[in-house]
């Protein structure tokens, strides 16, 4: 309960972490494979930096769409390793 002994209300801390776990999925679009990182709770600038880091380490292309990072190719294991190095559990 978010109340003190004296009865004062204490609002809940919303920054304790993501409500949904970060997921890394392999998808198929038309005739190609892509790897999508879902449910990241980062600012747009941090998302852009993380996407650039992943693309540089893997030597592949990618983009940001609707708050998700899309990487060209089926690279789920590699992306998970990079996220873990950055302290993001997936």
C-alpha atoms as a PDB file:
ATOM      1  CA  UNK A   1       0.000   0.000   0.000  1.00  0.00           C
ATOM      2  CA  UNK A   2       1.351   3.420  -0.860  1.00  0.00           C
ATOM      3  CA  UNK A   3       0.504   4.999   2.525  1.00  0.00           C
ATOM      4  CA  UNK A   4       2.618   5.934   5.542  1.00  0.00           C
ATOM      5  CA  UNK A   5       1.740   5.023   9.105  1.00  0.00           C
ATOM      6  CA  UNK A   6       0.331   8.524   9.563  1.00  0.00           C
ATOM      7  CA  UNK A   7      -2.029   7.993   6.643  1.00  0.00           C
ATOM      8  CA  UNK A   8      -0.215  10.178   4.113  1.00  0.00           C
ATOM      9  CA  UNK A   9      -0.439   9.042   0.498  1.00  0.00           C
ATOM     10  CA  UNK A  10       2.830   8.176  -1.255  1.00  0.00           C
ATOM     11  CA  UNK A  11       2.515   7.914  -5.052  1.00  0.00           C
ATOM     12  CA  UNK A  12       3.967   4.779  -6.605  1.00  0.00           C
ATOM     13  CA  UNK A  13       7.354   5.054  -8.283  1.00  0.00           C
ATOM     14  CA  UNK A  14       6.773   4.352 -11.979  1.00  0.00           C
ATOM     15  CA  UNK A  15      10.496   4.222 -12.829  1.00  0.00           C
ATOM     16  CA  UNK A  16      11.202   0.825 -11.259  1.00  0.00           C
ATOM     17  CA  UNK A  17      11.612  -0.757 -14.652  1.00  0.00           C
ATOM     18  CA  UNK A  18       9.703  -1.778 -17.721  1.00  0.00           C
ATOM     19  CA  UNK A  19       6.245  -3.227 -17.249  1.00  0.00           C
ATOM     20  CA  UNK A  20       6.783  -5.452 -20.252  1.00  0.00           C
ATOM     21  CA  UNK A  21      10.016  -7.389 -20.762  1.00  0.00           C
ATOM     22  CA  UNK A  22      12.308  -6.472 -23.641  1.00  0.00           C
ATOM     23  CA  UNK A  23      11.884  -9.003 -26.436  1.00  0.00           C
ATOM     24  CA  UNK A  24      14.072  -9.798 -29.428  1.00  0.00           C
ATOM     25  CA  UNK A  25      12.190 -11.503 -32.238  1.00  0.00           C
ATOM     26  CA  UNK A  26      13.004 -12.717 -35.719  1.00  0.00           C
ATOM     27  CA  UNK A  27      10.328 -11.835 -38.276  1.00  0.00           C
ATOM     28  CA  UNK A  28       9.843 -12.258 -41.967  1.00  0.00           C
ATOM     29  CA  UNK A  29       8.896  -9.374 -44.232  1.00  0.00           C
ATOM     30  CA  UNK A  30       8.183 -10.354 -47.798  1.00  0.00           C
ATOM     31  CA  UNK A  31      11.263 -12.418 -48.737  1.00  0.00           C
ATOM     32  CA  UNK A  32      13.695 -11.179 -46.092  1.00  0.00           C
ATOM     33  CA  UNK A  33      14.336 -11.714 -42.408  1.00  0.00           C
ATOM     34  CA  UNK A  34      14.540  -8.924 -39.843  1.00  0.00           C
ATOM     35  CA  UNK A  35      15.301  -8.903 -36.127  1.00  0.00           C
ATOM     36  CA  UNK A  36      13.050  -6.657 -34.029  1.00  0.00           C
ATOM     37  CA  UNK A  37      13.765  -5.390 -30.503  1.00  0.00           C
ATOM     38  CA  UNK A  38      10.428  -4.708 -28.769  1.00  0.00           C
ATOM     39  CA  UNK A  39       9.321  -2.987 -25.532  1.00  0.00           C
ATOM     40  CA  UNK A  40      12.361  -0.766 -24.952  1.00  0.00           C
ATOM     41  CA  UNK A  41      11.617   2.019 -22.468  1.00  0.00           C
ATOM     42  CA  UNK A  42      14.291   4.455 -23.604  1.00  0.00           C
ATOM     43  CA  UNK A  43      14.110   8.046 -24.762  1.00  0.00           C
ATOM     44  CA  UNK A  44      14.192   8.640 -28.535  1.00  0.00           C
ATOM     45  CA  UNK A  45      17.818   9.801 -28.341  1.00  0.00           C
ATOM     46  CA  UNK A  46      18.870   6.700 -26.400  1.00  0.00           C
ATOM     47  CA  UNK A  47      16.999   4.468 -28.862  1.00  0.00           C
ATOM     48  CA  UNK A  48      18.824   6.120 -31.751  1.00  0.00           C
ATOM     49  CA  UNK A  49      22.214   5.605 -30.064  1.00  0.00           C
ATOM     50  CA  UNK A  50      21.441   1.971 -29.227  1.00  0.00           C
ATOM     51  CA  UNK A  51      20.270   1.256 -32.779  1.00  0.00           C
ATOM     52  CA  UNK A  52      23.452   2.826 -34.179  1.00  0.00           C
ATOM     53  CA  UNK A  53      25.593   0.763 -31.793  1.00  0.00           C
ATOM     54  CA  UNK A  54      23.853  -2.497 -32.757  1.00  0.00           C
ATOM     55  CA  UNK A  55      24.117  -1.729 -36.474  1.00  0.00           C
ATOM     56  CA  UNK A  56      27.812  -0.838 -36.176  1.00  0.00           C
ATOM     57  CA  UNK A  57      28.726  -3.943 -34.166  1.00  0.00           C
ATOM     58  CA  UNK A  58      26.844  -6.263 -36.516  1.00  0.00           C
ATOM     59  CA  UNK A  59      27.827  -4.478 -39.710  1.00  0.00           C
ATOM     60  CA  UNK A  60      24.282  -4.437 -40.985  1.00  0.00           C
ATOM     61  CA  UNK A  61      21.492  -1.985 -41.709  1.00  0.00           C
ATOM     62  CA  UNK A  62      18.431  -1.231 -39.693  1.00  0.00           C
ATOM     63  CA  UNK A  63      15.960   1.400 -38.597  1.00  0.00           C
ATOM     64  CA  UNK A  64      13.704   2.698 -35.836  1.00  0.00           C
ATOM     65  CA  UNK A  65       9.990   2.197 -36.401  1.00  0.00           C
ATOM     66  CA  UNK A  66       7.287   2.994 -33.845  1.00  0.00           C
ATOM     67  CA  UNK A  67       9.745   2.823 -30.947  1.00  0.00           C
ATOM     68  CA  UNK A  68      11.131  -0.563 -32.010  1.00  0.00           C
ATOM     69  CA  UNK A  69      14.589  -1.266 -33.394  1.00  0.00           C
ATOM     70  CA  UNK A  70      14.594  -3.265 -36.635  1.00  0.00           C
ATOM     71  CA  UNK A  71      17.845  -4.897 -37.773  1.00  0.00           C
ATOM     72  CA  UNK A  72      18.303  -6.518 -41.180  1.00  0.00           C
ATOM     73  CA  UNK A  73      18.884 -10.257 -41.054  1.00  0.00           C
ATOM     74  CA  UNK A  74      18.195 -13.041 -38.567  1.00  0.00           C
ATOM     75  CA  UNK A  75      20.567 -11.943 -35.785  1.00  0.00           C
ATOM     76  CA  UNK A  76      18.622 -12.649 -32.586  1.00  0.00           C
ATOM     77  CA  UNK A  77      21.510 -14.167 -30.598  1.00  0.00           C
ATOM     78  CA  UNK A  78      23.952 -11.416 -31.574  1.00  0.00           C
ATOM     79  CA  UNK A  79      21.479  -8.651 -30.677  1.00  0.00           C
ATOM     80  CA  UNK A  80      20.777 -10.288 -27.294  1.00  0.00           C
ATOM     81  CA  UNK A  81      24.523 -10.326 -26.536  1.00  0.00           C
ATOM     82  CA  UNK A  82      24.869  -6.642 -27.399  1.00  0.00           C
ATOM     83  CA  UNK A  83      21.836  -5.729 -25.270  1.00  0.00           C
ATOM     84  CA  UNK A  84      23.266  -7.693 -22.349  1.00  0.00           C
ATOM     85  CA  UNK A  85      26.582  -5.835 -22.692  1.00  0.00           C
ATOM     86  CA  UNK A  86      24.601  -2.580 -22.442  1.00  0.00           C
ATOM     87  CA  UNK A  87      22.825  -3.777 -19.284  1.00  0.00           C
ATOM     88  CA  UNK A  88      19.467  -4.513 -20.929  1.00  0.00           C
ATOM     89  CA  UNK A  89      18.013  -7.897 -20.067  1.00  0.00           C
ATOM     90  CA  UNK A  90      16.092  -9.519 -22.886  1.00  0.00           C
END
